[in-house]
Amino acid sequence: MELFMFIIPTVFSILWFYNLVQLIDKVKQGKSYHNQKVLGCAWSAGFTLSMVFSFMGLH
């Protein structure tokens, strides 16, 4: 169980960073980046909640 407390936040952070790279690429190309903004919010919320649950699990 403790393994999942560290894997889930790591997965969210990797997805968040990948989304950031795509966002920067789309801004440079002048394309619509609305989907990246929405996904960025979702990945940030998922990361935050997974970190909260991880810290709660440590106590």
C-alpha atoms as a PDB file:
ATOM      1  CA  MET A   1       0.000   0.000   0.000  1.00  0.00           C
ATOM      2  CA  GLU A   2       2.835   2.379   0.783  1.00  0.00           C
ATOM      3  CA  LEU A   3       4.174   1.891  -2.707  1.00  0.00           C
ATOM      4  CA  PHE A   4       0.991   3.382  -4.194  1.00  0.00           C
ATOM      5  CA  MET A   5       1.334   6.447  -1.977  1.00  0.00           C
ATOM      6  CA  PHE A   6       4.459   7.377  -3.911  1.00  0.00           C
ATOM      7  CA  ILE A   7       3.597   6.055  -7.372  1.00  0.00           C
ATOM      8  CA  ILE A   8       0.299   7.905  -7.834  1.00  0.00           C
ATOM      9  CA  PRO A   9       1.708  11.419  -7.146  1.00  0.00           C
ATOM     10  CA  THR A  10       4.659  10.599  -9.409  1.00  0.00           C
ATOM     11  CA  VAL A  11       2.326   9.595 -12.252  1.00  0.00           C
ATOM     12  CA  PHE A  12       0.333  12.814 -11.852  1.00  0.00           C
ATOM     13  CA  SER A  13       3.500  14.914 -11.865  1.00  0.00           C
ATOM     14  CA  ILE A  14       4.773  13.204 -15.034  1.00  0.00           C
ATOM     15  CA  LEU A  15       1.425  13.774 -16.762  1.00  0.00           C
ATOM     16  CA  TRP A  16       1.389  17.394 -15.599  1.00  0.00           C
ATOM     17  CA  PHE A  17       4.877  18.017 -16.993  1.00  0.00           C
ATOM     18  CA  TYR A  18       4.030  16.316 -20.312  1.00  0.00           C
ATOM     19  CA  ASN A  19       0.936  18.502 -20.574  1.00  0.00           C
ATOM     20  CA  LEU A  20       3.060  21.591 -19.892  1.00  0.00           C
ATOM     21  CA  VAL A  21       5.405  20.673 -22.722  1.00  0.00           C
ATOM     22  CA  GLN A  22       2.441  20.231 -25.070  1.00  0.00           C
ATOM     23  CA  LEU A  23       1.012  23.570 -23.937  1.00  0.00           C
ATOM     24  CA  ILE A  24       4.253  25.398 -24.690  1.00  0.00           C
ATOM     25  CA  ASP A  25       4.497  23.690 -28.080  1.00  0.00           C
ATOM     26  CA  LYS A  26       0.934  24.660 -29.032  1.00  0.00           C
ATOM     27  CA  VAL A  27       1.446  28.253 -27.919  1.00  0.00           C
ATOM     28  CA  LYS A  28       4.562  28.493 -30.086  1.00  0.00           C
ATOM     29  CA  GLN A  29       2.656  27.087 -33.071  1.00  0.00           C
ATOM     30  CA  GLY A  30      -0.282  29.425 -32.528  1.00  0.00           C
ATOM     31  CA  LYS A  31      -2.774  26.564 -32.125  1.00  0.00           C
ATOM     32  CA  SER A  32      -5.660  26.349 -29.677  1.00  0.00           C
ATOM     33  CA  TYR A  33      -4.481  25.269 -26.234  1.00  0.00           C
ATOM     34  CA  HIS A  34      -7.791  25.122 -24.364  1.00  0.00           C
ATOM     35  CA  ASN A  35      -7.555  21.337 -23.870  1.00  0.00           C
ATOM     36  CA  GLN A  36      -4.112  21.686 -22.304  1.00  0.00           C
ATOM     37  CA  LYS A  37      -5.435  24.262 -19.833  1.00  0.00           C
ATOM     38  CA  VAL A  38      -8.281  21.973 -18.796  1.00  0.00           C
ATOM     39  CA  LEU A  39      -5.995  18.941 -18.518  1.00  0.00           C
ATOM     40  CA  GLY A  40      -3.482  20.999 -16.537  1.00  0.00           C
ATOM     41  CA  CYS A  41      -6.190  21.826 -14.006  1.00  0.00           C
ATOM     42  CA  ALA A  42      -7.241  18.183 -13.796  1.00  0.00           C
ATOM     43  CA  TRP A  43      -3.660  16.913 -13.353  1.00  0.00           C
ATOM     44  CA  SER A  44      -2.975  19.583 -10.720  1.00  0.00           C
ATOM     45  CA  ALA A  45      -6.087  18.643  -8.755  1.00  0.00           C
ATOM     46  CA  GLY A  46      -5.248  14.946  -9.022  1.00  0.00           C
ATOM     47  CA  PHE A  47      -1.680  15.564  -7.885  1.00  0.00           C
ATOM     48  CA  THR A  48      -2.802  17.695  -4.949  1.00  0.00           C
ATOM     49  CA  LEU A  49      -5.384  15.176  -3.789  1.00  0.00           C
ATOM     50  CA  SER A  50      -2.972  12.264  -4.156  1.00  0.00           C
ATOM     51  CA  MET A  51      -0.378  14.138  -2.090  1.00  0.00           C
ATOM     52  CA  VAL A  52      -2.946  14.873   0.629  1.00  0.00           C
ATOM     53  CA  PHE A  53      -3.992  11.231   0.760  1.00  0.00           C
ATOM     54  CA  SER A  54      -0.339  10.151   0.787  1.00  0.00           C
ATOM     55  CA  PHE A  55       0.442  12.398   3.729  1.00  0.00           C
ATOM     56  CA  MET A  56      -2.673  11.200   5.540  1.00  0.00           C
ATOM     57  CA  GLY A  57      -1.567   7.614   4.984  1.00  0.00           C
ATOM     58  CA  LEU A  58       1.837   8.272   6.544  1.00  0.00           C
ATOM     59  CA  HIS A  59       0.340   9.271   9.893  1.00  0.00           C
END
